[in-house]
PDB file of N, CA and C in Angstrom:
ATOM      1  N   MET A   1      -4.857  -7.492 -13.375  1.00  0.00           N
ATOM      2  CA  MET A   1      -5.182  -6.304 -13.985  1.00  0.00           C
ATOM      3  C   MET A   1      -4.883  -5.229 -13.449  1.00  0.00           C
ATOM      4  N   THR A   2      -4.168  -4.277 -14.605  1.00  0.00           N
ATOM      5  CA  THR A   2      -2.932  -3.113 -13.830  1.00  0.00           C
ATOM      6  C   THR A   2      -4.383  -1.841 -14.979  1.00  0.00           C
ATOM      7  N   LYS A   3      -3.885  -0.854 -14.242  1.00  0.00           N
ATOM      8  CA  LYS A   3      -4.009   0.537 -15.195  1.00  0.00           C
ATOM      9  C   LYS A   3      -4.027   0.591 -16.408  1.00  0.00           C
ATOM     10  N   ALA A   4      -3.210   0.291 -16.708  1.00  0.00           N
ATOM     11  CA  ALA A   4      -2.873   0.047 -18.281  1.00  0.00           C
ATOM     12  C   ALA A   4      -3.213  -0.856 -19.081  1.00  0.00           C
ATOM     13  N   ASP A   5      -3.533  -1.884 -18.460  1.00  0.00           N
ATOM     14  CA  ASP A   5      -4.752  -3.173 -19.157  1.00  0.00           C
ATOM     15  C   ASP A   5      -5.606  -2.426 -19.158  1.00  0.00           C
ATOM     16  N   LEU A   6      -6.381  -1.624 -18.641  1.00  0.00           N
ATOM     17  CA  LEU A   6      -7.593  -0.566 -18.263  1.00  0.00           C
ATOM     18  C   LEU A   6      -7.358   0.265 -19.586  1.00  0.00           C
ATOM     19  N   VAL A   7      -6.372   0.619 -19.067  1.00  0.00           N
ATOM     20  CA  VAL A   7      -6.276   1.688 -20.288  1.00  0.00           C
ATOM     21  C   VAL A   7      -6.265   1.188 -21.698  1.00  0.00           C
ATOM     22  N   GLU A   8      -5.734   0.322 -21.948  1.00  0.00           N
ATOM     23  CA  GLU A   8      -5.636   0.054 -23.377  1.00  0.00           C
ATOM     24  C   GLU A   8      -7.128  -0.584 -23.570  1.00  0.00           C
ATOM     25  N   ILE A   9      -7.908  -1.634 -22.923  1.00  0.00           N
ATOM     26  CA  ILE A   9      -8.875  -2.086 -22.819  1.00  0.00           C
ATOM     27  C   ILE A   9     -10.618  -0.740 -23.525  1.00  0.00           C
ATOM     28  N   VAL A  10     -10.408   0.302 -22.922  1.00  0.00           N
ATOM     29  CA  VAL A  10     -10.881   1.418 -23.093  1.00  0.00           C
ATOM     30  C   VAL A  10     -10.580   2.024 -24.594  1.00  0.00           C
ATOM     31  N   ALA A  11      -9.579   2.332 -24.852  1.00  0.00           N
ATOM     32  CA  ALA A  11      -8.700   3.068 -25.370  1.00  0.00           C
ATOM     33  C   ALA A  11      -9.387   2.195 -26.356  1.00  0.00           C
ATOM     34  N   GLU A  12      -8.944   1.066 -26.641  1.00  0.00           N
ATOM     35  CA  GLU A  12      -9.953  -0.312 -28.194  1.00  0.00           C
ATOM     36  C   GLU A  12     -10.825   0.400 -28.177  1.00  0.00           C
ATOM     37  N   ARG A  13     -12.095   0.530 -27.084  1.00  0.00           N
ATOM     38  CA  ARG A  13     -13.867   0.337 -27.702  1.00  0.00           C
ATOM     39  C   ARG A  13     -13.732   1.727 -27.650  1.00  0.00           C
ATOM     40  N   THR A  14     -13.479   2.794 -27.425  1.00  0.00           N
ATOM     41  CA  THR A  14     -13.602   4.254 -27.572  1.00  0.00           C
ATOM     42  C   THR A  14     -13.264   4.584 -28.979  1.00  0.00           C
ATOM     43  N   GLY A  15     -11.483   4.073 -29.560  1.00  0.00           N
ATOM     44  CA  GLY A  15     -11.121   4.832 -30.305  1.00  0.00           C
ATOM     45  C   GLY A  15     -10.905   6.158 -29.935  1.00  0.00           C
ATOM     46  N   PHE A  16     -10.239   6.118 -28.564  1.00  0.00           N
ATOM     47  CA  PHE A  16      -9.507   7.429 -28.422  1.00  0.00           C
ATOM     48  C   PHE A  16      -7.850   6.635 -28.196  1.00  0.00           C
ATOM     49  N   THR A  17      -7.241   7.259 -28.011  1.00  0.00           N
ATOM     50  CA  THR A  17      -5.684   6.891 -28.213  1.00  0.00           C
ATOM     51  C   THR A  17      -5.526   6.794 -26.136  1.00  0.00           C
ATOM     52  N   LYS A  18      -4.495   5.320 -26.642  1.00  0.00           N
ATOM     53  CA  LYS A  18      -3.980   5.562 -25.209  1.00  0.00           C
ATOM     54  C   LYS A  18      -3.757   6.732 -24.339  1.00  0.00           C
ATOM     55  N   THR A  19      -2.724   8.091 -24.930  1.00  0.00           N
ATOM     56  CA  THR A  19      -2.157   8.733 -24.056  1.00  0.00           C
ATOM     57  C   THR A  19      -3.386   9.348 -23.680  1.00  0.00           C
ATOM     58  N   ASP A  20      -4.308   9.750 -24.393  1.00  0.00           N
ATOM     59  CA  ASP A  20      -5.449  10.319 -23.878  1.00  0.00           C
ATOM     60  C   ASP A  20      -5.915   9.761 -23.244  1.00  0.00           C
ATOM     61  N   VAL A  21      -6.614   8.319 -22.914  1.00  0.00           N
ATOM     62  CA  VAL A  21      -7.382   7.526 -21.878  1.00  0.00           C
ATOM     63  C   VAL A  21      -6.534   7.487 -20.670  1.00  0.00           C
ATOM     64  N   HIS A  22      -5.392   7.750 -20.541  1.00  0.00           N
ATOM     65  CA  HIS A  22      -4.202   7.828 -19.818  1.00  0.00           C
ATOM     66  C   HIS A  22      -4.256   8.857 -18.644  1.00  0.00           C
ATOM     67  N   VAL A  23      -4.578   9.324 -19.593  1.00  0.00           N
ATOM     68  CA  VAL A  23      -4.816  11.450 -18.654  1.00  0.00           C
ATOM     69  C   VAL A  23      -6.006  11.564 -18.382  1.00  0.00           C
ATOM     70  N   ILE A  24      -6.881  11.038 -19.426  1.00  0.00           N
ATOM     71  CA  ILE A  24      -8.359  10.899 -18.397  1.00  0.00           C
ATOM     72  C   ILE A  24      -8.891  10.112 -17.275  1.00  0.00           C
ATOM     73  N   CYS A  25      -7.934   8.407 -17.307  1.00  0.00           N
ATOM     74  CA  CYS A  25      -8.410   7.683 -15.761  1.00  0.00           C
ATOM     75  C   CYS A  25      -7.424   8.279 -14.777  1.00  0.00           C
ATOM     76  N   ASP A  26      -6.179   8.756 -15.082  1.00  0.00           N
ATOM     77  CA  ASP A  26      -5.566  10.117 -14.718  1.00  0.00           C
ATOM     78  C   ASP A  26      -6.141  10.691 -13.679  1.00  0.00           C
ATOM     79  N   THR A  27      -7.118  12.022 -14.226  1.00  0.00           N
ATOM     80  CA  THR A  27      -7.677  13.050 -14.214  1.00  0.00           C
ATOM     81  C   THR A  27      -8.617  12.439 -12.984  1.00  0.00           C
ATOM     82  N   LEU A  28      -9.809  11.172 -12.970  1.00  0.00           N
ATOM     83  CA  LEU A  28     -10.445  10.590 -12.773  1.00  0.00           C
ATOM     84  C   LEU A  28     -10.071  10.143 -10.973  1.00  0.00           C
ATOM     85  N   LEU A  29      -8.873   9.239 -11.408  1.00  0.00           N
ATOM     86  CA  LEU A  29      -8.979   9.299  -9.773  1.00  0.00           C
ATOM     87  C   LEU A  29      -7.763  10.042  -9.024  1.00  0.00           C
ATOM     88  N   ASP A  30      -7.706  11.365  -9.630  1.00  0.00           N
ATOM     89  CA  ASP A  30      -6.690  12.492  -9.330  1.00  0.00           C
ATOM     90  C   ASP A  30      -8.359  13.100  -7.999  1.00  0.00           C
ATOM     91  N   VAL A  31      -9.362  13.100  -8.926  1.00  0.00           N
ATOM     92  CA  VAL A  31     -10.707  13.777  -8.671  1.00  0.00           C
ATOM     93  C   VAL A  31     -11.080  13.285  -7.339  1.00  0.00           C
ATOM     94  N   ILE A  32     -11.419  12.143  -7.820  1.00  0.00           N
ATOM     95  CA  ILE A  32     -12.022  11.275  -6.187  1.00  0.00           C
ATOM     96  C   ILE A  32     -11.064  11.240  -5.286  1.00  0.00           C
ATOM     97  N   LYS A  33      -9.884  11.373  -5.156  1.00  0.00           N
ATOM     98  CA  LYS A  33      -9.296  11.622  -4.131  1.00  0.00           C
ATOM     99  C   LYS A  33      -9.251  12.954  -3.468  1.00  0.00           C
ATOM    100  N   GLU A  34      -8.820  14.103  -4.488  1.00  0.00           N
ATOM    101  CA  GLU A  34      -9.244  15.212  -4.273  1.00  0.00           C
ATOM    102  C   GLU A  34     -11.037  15.866  -3.405  1.00  0.00           C
ATOM    103  N   VAL A  35     -11.776  14.927  -3.782  1.00  0.00           N
ATOM    104  CA  VAL A  35     -13.176  15.299  -3.717  1.00  0.00           C
ATOM    105  C   VAL A  35     -13.253  14.452  -1.863  1.00  0.00           C
ATOM    106  N   MET A  36     -13.063  13.474  -1.721  1.00  0.00           N
ATOM    107  CA  MET A  36     -12.832  12.406  -0.817  1.00  0.00           C
ATOM    108  C   MET A  36     -11.767  13.268   0.038  1.00  0.00           C
ATOM    109  N   SER A  37     -10.935  14.173   0.379  1.00  0.00           N
ATOM    110  CA  SER A  37     -10.275  14.692   1.284  1.00  0.00           C
ATOM    111  C   SER A  37     -10.806  15.419   1.536  1.00  0.00           C
ATOM    112  N   ASP A  38     -11.817  16.418   0.552  1.00  0.00           N
ATOM    113  CA  ASP A  38     -12.105  17.619   1.308  1.00  0.00           C
ATOM    114  C   ASP A  38     -14.042  17.109   1.894  1.00  0.00           C
ATOM    115  N   GLY A  39     -14.067  15.524   2.051  1.00  0.00           N
ATOM    116  CA  GLY A  39     -14.792  15.369   3.273  1.00  0.00           C
ATOM    117  C   GLY A  39     -16.206  14.940   2.511  1.00  0.00           C
ATOM    118  N   TYR A  40     -15.959  14.840   1.607  1.00  0.00           N
ATOM    119  CA  TYR A  40     -17.242  14.012   0.473  1.00  0.00           C
ATOM    120  C   TYR A  40     -17.070  13.148   0.469  1.00  0.00           C
ATOM    121  N   ASN A  41     -18.541  12.256  -0.079  1.00  0.00           N
ATOM    122  CA  ASN A  41     -18.360  10.578  -0.248  1.00  0.00           C
ATOM    123  C   ASN A  41     -19.404  10.530  -1.379  1.00  0.00           C
ATOM    124  N   ILE A  42     -18.757   9.840  -3.198  1.00  0.00           N
ATOM    125  CA  ILE A  42     -19.085  10.457  -4.425  1.00  0.00           C
ATOM    126  C   ILE A  42     -19.887   8.838  -4.812  1.00  0.00           C
ATOM    127  N   GLU A  43     -20.601   9.248  -5.096  1.00  0.00           N
ATOM    128  CA  GLU A  43     -22.223   8.215  -5.982  1.00  0.00           C
ATOM    129  C   GLU A  43     -22.542   8.034  -7.404  1.00  0.00           C
ATOM    130  N   LEU A  44     -21.504   6.690  -8.214  1.00  0.00           N
ATOM    131  CA  LEU A  44     -21.604   6.547  -8.954  1.00  0.00           C
ATOM    132  C   LEU A  44     -22.980   5.611  -9.108  1.00  0.00           C
ATOM    133  N   ARG A  45     -23.757   6.450 -10.008  1.00  0.00           N
ATOM    134  CA  ARG A  45     -25.593   4.980  -9.931  1.00  0.00           C
ATOM    135  C   ARG A  45     -25.105   4.289 -11.123  1.00  0.00           C
ATOM    136  N   ARG A  46     -25.450   3.025 -10.387  1.00  0.00           N
ATOM    137  CA  ARG A  46     -25.557   1.350 -11.325  1.00  0.00           C
ATOM    138  C   ARG A  46     -23.601   1.171 -11.386  1.00  0.00           C
ATOM    139  N   PHE A  47     -22.863   1.728 -10.406  1.00  0.00           N
ATOM    140  CA  PHE A  47     -21.477   1.682 -10.015  1.00  0.00           C
ATOM    141  C   PHE A  47     -21.355   0.964  -8.669  1.00  0.00           C
ATOM    142  N   GLY A  48     -21.211   2.697  -7.531  1.00  0.00           N
ATOM    143  CA  GLY A  48     -21.038   1.589  -6.467  1.00  0.00           C
ATOM    144  C   GLY A  48     -21.148   3.336  -5.503  1.00  0.00           C
ATOM    145  N   THR A  49     -20.324   3.325  -4.484  1.00  0.00           N
ATOM    146  CA  THR A  49     -20.261   4.593  -3.326  1.00  0.00           C
ATOM    147  C   THR A  49     -18.785   4.551  -3.389  1.00  0.00           C
ATOM    148  N   PHE A  50     -17.995   5.692  -3.050  1.00  0.00           N
ATOM    149  CA  PHE A  50     -17.211   6.301  -1.848  1.00  0.00           C
ATOM    150  C   PHE A  50     -17.646   6.521  -0.986  1.00  0.00           C
ATOM    151  N   LYS A  51     -17.159   5.592  -0.298  1.00  0.00           N
ATOM    152  CA  LYS A  51     -17.481   7.176   1.041  1.00  0.00           C
ATOM    153  C   LYS A  51     -16.394   6.985   1.992  1.00  0.00           C
ATOM    154  N   LEU A  52     -16.277   7.483   3.254  1.00  0.00           N
ATOM    155  CA  LEU A  52     -15.588   7.883   4.424  1.00  0.00           C
ATOM    156  C   LEU A  52     -16.319   7.347   5.425  1.00  0.00           C
ATOM    157  N   LYS A  53     -14.541   6.384   6.204  1.00  0.00           N
ATOM    158  CA  LYS A  53     -15.324   6.086   7.574  1.00  0.00           C
ATOM    159  C   LYS A  53     -14.908   6.709   8.002  1.00  0.00           C
ATOM    160  N   ILE A  54     -15.242   6.304   9.622  1.00  0.00           N
ATOM    161  CA  ILE A  54     -14.454   6.828  10.846  1.00  0.00           C
ATOM    162  C   ILE A  54     -14.015   5.013  11.396  1.00  0.00           C
ATOM    163  N   ARG A  55     -12.476   5.081  11.952  1.00  0.00           N
ATOM    164  CA  ARG A  55     -12.596   3.990  12.184  1.00  0.00           C
ATOM    165  C   ARG A  55     -12.711   3.852  14.355  1.00  0.00           C
ATOM    166  N   LYS A  56     -12.361   2.517  15.066  1.00  0.00           N
ATOM    167  CA  LYS A  56     -12.698   3.430  16.519  1.00  0.00           C
ATOM    168  C   LYS A  56     -11.344   2.952  16.438  1.00  0.00           C
ATOM    169  N   PRO A  57     -11.108   4.280  18.214  1.00  0.00           N
ATOM    170  CA  PRO A  57      -9.610   3.577  18.328  1.00  0.00           C
ATOM    171  C   PRO A  57      -9.536   2.489  18.955  1.00  0.00           C
ATOM    172  N   ARG A  58      -8.097   1.757  19.007  1.00  0.00           N
ATOM    173  CA  ARG A  58      -8.530   0.328  19.240  1.00  0.00           C
ATOM    174  C   ARG A  58      -7.505   0.281  20.319  1.00  0.00           C
ATOM    175  N   MET A  59      -6.605  -1.376  20.480  1.00  0.00           N
ATOM    176  CA  MET A  59      -5.111  -1.326  20.725  1.00  0.00           C
ATOM    177  C   MET A  59      -5.366  -2.658  20.539  1.00  0.00           C
ATOM    178  N   ALA A  60      -3.568  -2.248  19.611  1.00  0.00           N
ATOM    179  CA  ALA A  60      -2.918  -3.311  18.799  1.00  0.00           C
ATOM    180  C   ALA A  60      -2.292  -4.110  19.858  1.00  0.00           C
ATOM    181  N   ARG A  61      -0.879  -5.399  19.844  1.00  0.00           N
ATOM    182  CA  ARG A  61       0.002  -5.923  20.126  1.00  0.00           C
ATOM    183  C   ARG A  61       1.131  -5.531  19.001  1.00  0.00           C
ATOM    184  N   ASN A  62       1.939  -5.117  18.849  1.00  0.00           N
ATOM    185  CA  ASN A  62       3.484  -5.686  18.660  1.00  0.00           C
ATOM    186  C   ASN A  62       3.478  -7.197  17.947  1.00  0.00           C
ATOM    187  N   PRO A  63       4.297  -7.282  16.861  1.00  0.00           N
ATOM    188  CA  PRO A  63       4.016  -8.706  16.294  1.00  0.00           C
ATOM    189  C   PRO A  63       6.239  -9.381  17.420  1.00  0.00           C
ATOM    190  N   ARG A  64       6.367  -8.041  16.938  1.00  0.00           N
ATOM    191  CA  ARG A  64       7.728  -8.935  17.724  1.00  0.00           C
ATOM    192  C   ARG A  64       7.617  -9.229  19.232  1.00  0.00           C
ATOM    193  N   THR A  65       7.350  -7.621  20.001  1.00  0.00           N
ATOM    194  CA  THR A  65       7.670  -7.704  21.273  1.00  0.00           C
ATOM    195  C   THR A  65       6.640  -8.073  22.240  1.00  0.00           C
ATOM    196  N   GLY A  66       5.259  -8.218  21.937  1.00  0.00           N
ATOM    197  CA  GLY A  66       3.789  -8.655  21.828  1.00  0.00           C
ATOM    198  C   GLY A  66       3.467  -7.095  22.603  1.00  0.00           C
ATOM    199  N   GLU A  67       3.882  -6.213  23.023  1.00  0.00           N
ATOM    200  CA  GLU A  67       3.889  -4.755  23.246  1.00  0.00           C
ATOM    201  C   GLU A  67       2.352  -4.382  23.254  1.00  0.00           C
ATOM    202  N   PRO A  68       1.247  -3.356  23.967  1.00  0.00           N
ATOM    203  CA  PRO A  68       0.422  -3.002  23.454  1.00  0.00           C
ATOM    204  C   PRO A  68       0.405  -1.603  22.606  1.00  0.00           C
ATOM    205  N   VAL A  69       0.273  -1.519  21.651  1.00  0.00           N
ATOM    206  CA  VAL A  69       0.078  -0.255  21.066  1.00  0.00           C
ATOM    207  C   VAL A  69      -1.026   0.427  20.287  1.00  0.00           C
ATOM    208  N   PRO A  70      -1.286   1.814  20.730  1.00  0.00           N
ATOM    209  CA  PRO A  70      -2.834   2.485  20.344  1.00  0.00           C
ATOM    210  C   PRO A  70      -2.514   3.027  19.012  1.00  0.00           C
ATOM    211  N   ILE A  71      -3.903   2.557  18.295  1.00  0.00           N
ATOM    212  CA  ILE A  71      -4.271   2.951  17.450  1.00  0.00           C
ATOM    213  C   ILE A  71      -5.291   3.719  17.317  1.00  0.00           C
ATOM    214  N   GLU A  72      -4.982   5.356  17.108  1.00  0.00           N
ATOM    215  CA  GLU A  72      -5.472   6.268  17.249  1.00  0.00           C
ATOM    216  C   GLU A  72      -6.865   6.476  16.061  1.00  0.00           C
ATOM    217  N   LYS A  73      -8.287   7.074  16.534  1.00  0.00           N
ATOM    218  CA  LYS A  73      -9.216   7.108  15.966  1.00  0.00           C
ATOM    219  C   LYS A  73      -9.067   7.553  14.400  1.00  0.00           C
ATOM    220  N   ARG A  74      -9.544   7.366  12.696  1.00  0.00           N
ATOM    221  CA  ARG A  74      -8.291   8.038  12.200  1.00  0.00           C
ATOM    222  C   ARG A  74      -9.851   7.721  10.789  1.00  0.00           C
ATOM    223  N   VAL A  75      -9.985   8.086   9.611  1.00  0.00           N
ATOM    224  CA  VAL A  75     -10.992   7.674   8.666  1.00  0.00           C
ATOM    225  C   VAL A  75      -9.941   7.629   7.290  1.00  0.00           C
ATOM    226  N   ILE A  76     -10.999   6.222   7.008  1.00  0.00           N
ATOM    227  CA  ILE A  76     -10.662   5.538   5.848  1.00  0.00           C
ATOM    228  C   ILE A  76     -11.566   5.676   4.784  1.00  0.00           C
ATOM    229  N   PRO A  77     -11.334   5.216   3.320  1.00  0.00           N
ATOM    230  CA  PRO A  77     -12.053   5.349   2.879  1.00  0.00           C
ATOM    231  C   PRO A  77     -12.245   3.816   2.143  1.00  0.00           C
ATOM    232  N   VAL A  78     -13.605   3.455   1.929  1.00  0.00           N
ATOM    233  CA  VAL A  78     -14.036   2.072   1.526  1.00  0.00           C
ATOM    234  C   VAL A  78     -15.236   2.227   0.211  1.00  0.00           C
ATOM    235  N   PHE A  79     -15.437   0.908  -0.985  1.00  0.00           N
ATOM    236  CA  PHE A  79     -16.038   1.414  -1.944  1.00  0.00           C
ATOM    237  C   PHE A  79     -16.903   0.218  -1.347  1.00  0.00           C
ATOM    238  N   LYS A  80     -18.510   1.109  -1.898  1.00  0.00           N
ATOM    239  CA  LYS A  80     -19.683  -0.054  -1.364  1.00  0.00           C
ATOM    240  C   LYS A  80     -20.530  -0.077  -3.257  1.00  0.00           C
ATOM    241  N   PRO A  81     -20.248  -1.662  -3.218  1.00  0.00           N
ATOM    242  CA  PRO A  81     -20.735  -1.817  -4.768  1.00  0.00           C
ATOM    243  C   PRO A  81     -22.193  -1.505  -4.557  1.00  0.00           C
ATOM    244  N   SER A  82     -22.809  -1.345  -6.272  1.00  0.00           N
ATOM    245  CA  SER A  82     -24.136  -1.104  -6.138  1.00  0.00           C
ATOM    246  C   SER A  82     -24.715  -2.267  -6.621  1.00  0.00           C
ATOM    247  N   ASN A  83     -25.749  -2.541  -6.564  1.00  0.00           N
ATOM    248  CA  ASN A  83     -26.676  -3.590  -6.840  1.00  0.00           C
ATOM    249  C   ASN A  83     -26.433  -4.321  -7.695  1.00  0.00           C
ATOM    250  N   ASP A  84     -26.610  -3.284  -8.870  1.00  0.00           N
ATOM    251  CA  ASP A  84     -26.197  -4.062 -10.871  1.00  0.00           C
ATOM    252  C   ASP A  84     -25.093  -3.946 -10.744  1.00  0.00           C
ATOM    253  N   PHE A  85     -24.033  -3.438  -9.885  1.00  0.00           N
ATOM    254  CA  PHE A  85     -22.721  -3.901  -9.440  1.00  0.00           C
ATOM    255  C   PHE A  85     -22.309  -5.499  -9.449  1.00  0.00           C
ATOM    256  N   LYS A  86     -23.476  -5.765  -8.042  1.00  0.00           N
ATOM    257  CA  LYS A  86     -22.821  -6.860  -8.396  1.00  0.00           C
ATOM    258  C   LYS A  86     -23.132  -7.977  -8.833  1.00  0.00           C
ATOM    259  N   ASP A  87     -25.080  -7.837  -9.736  1.00  0.00           N
ATOM    260  CA  ASP A  87     -25.398  -8.465  -9.974  1.00  0.00           C
ATOM    261  C   ASP A  87     -24.544  -8.965 -11.480  1.00  0.00           C
ATOM    262  N   GLN A  88     -23.155  -7.855 -11.851  1.00  0.00           N
ATOM    263  CA  GLN A  88     -23.504  -8.362 -12.999  1.00  0.00           C
ATOM    264  C   GLN A  88     -21.841  -9.125 -12.922  1.00  0.00           C
ATOM    265  N   ILE A  89     -21.279  -8.780 -11.686  1.00  0.00           N
ATOM    266  CA  ILE A  89     -20.168  -9.740 -11.740  1.00  0.00           C
ATOM    267  C   ILE A  89     -20.204 -11.219 -11.215  1.00  0.00           C
ATOM    268  N   ALA A  90     -21.369 -11.479 -11.026  1.00  0.00           N
ATOM    269  CA  ALA A  90     -22.062 -12.787  -9.648  1.00  0.00           C
ATOM    270  C   ALA A  90     -21.363 -13.963 -10.669  1.00  0.00           C
ATOM    271  N   ILE A  91     -20.240 -14.869 -10.420  1.00  0.00           N
ATOM    272  CA  ILE A  91     -20.007 -15.907 -10.110  1.00  0.00           C
ATOM    273  C   ILE A  91     -19.808 -16.201  -9.650  1.00  0.00           C
ATOM    274  N   THR A  92     -19.509 -18.156  -9.581  1.00  0.00           N
ATOM    275  CA  THR A  92     -19.522 -19.055  -8.238  1.00  0.00           C
ATOM    276  C   THR A  92     -17.887 -18.632  -7.739  1.00  0.00           C
ATOM    277  N   PRO A  93     -17.458 -19.184  -6.767  1.00  0.00           N
ATOM    278  CA  PRO A  93     -16.335 -19.251  -6.085  1.00  0.00           C
ATOM    279  C   PRO A  93     -15.496 -19.870  -7.237  1.00  0.00           C
ATOM    280  N   GLU A  94     -15.800 -21.383  -7.697  1.00  0.00           N
ATOM    281  CA  GLU A  94     -14.813 -22.180  -8.614  1.00  0.00           C
ATOM    282  C   GLU A  94     -14.868 -21.400  -9.733  1.00  0.00           C
ATOM    283  N   GLU A  95     -15.904 -20.725 -10.578  1.00  0.00           N
ATOM    284  CA  GLU A  95     -15.278 -19.726 -11.970  1.00  0.00           C
ATOM    285  C   GLU A  95     -14.237 -19.051 -11.916  1.00  0.00           C
ATOM    286  N   LEU A  96     -14.302 -18.096 -10.172  1.00  0.00           N
ATOM    287  CA  LEU A  96     -13.431 -17.857 -10.103  1.00  0.00           C
ATOM    288  C   LEU A  96     -11.481 -18.256 -10.551  1.00  0.00           C
ATOM    289  N   GLU A  97     -12.425 -19.370  -9.344  1.00  0.00           N
ATOM    290  CA  GLU A  97     -10.738 -20.276  -9.284  1.00  0.00           C
ATOM    291  C   GLU A  97     -10.184 -20.416 -10.444  1.00  0.00           C
ATOM    292  N   LYS A  98     -10.856 -20.778 -10.967  1.00  0.00           N
ATOM    293  CA  LYS A  98      -9.967 -21.392 -12.597  1.00  0.00           C
ATOM    294  C   LYS A  98      -9.723 -20.435 -13.060  1.00  0.00           C
ATOM    295  N   LYS A  99     -10.475 -19.076 -13.136  1.00  0.00           N
ATOM    296  CA  LYS A  99      -9.911 -17.959 -14.299  1.00  0.00           C
ATOM    297  C   LYS A  99      -8.280 -17.073 -13.809  1.00  0.00           C
ATOM    298  N   ARG A 100      -7.975 -17.799 -11.810  1.00  0.00           N
ATOM    299  CA  ARG A 100      -7.253 -17.338 -11.753  1.00  0.00           C
ATOM    300  C   ARG A 100      -6.290 -18.301 -11.799  1.00  0.00           C
TER     301      ARG A 100
END
């Protein structure tokens, strides 16, 4: 599913135009990125939490040469779904395979 598909569903359910929903979705995503780039986590009750996680430095290998390559410590965004979210999407692996 793409962002355009989500915009279409939200527009149908709310009665807003697709243009308005698209602007709202883009703005929401931009605000999430801005807030997280300022170092804050975002908690959306009954949905989940967007957090910043620090990855430790490590040594990797260049797959072509086998040469060791150092990877520096870095910050990555992660999403942790809430229990309500997990309960709502609880389907079996078999059901998921059928839908794909």
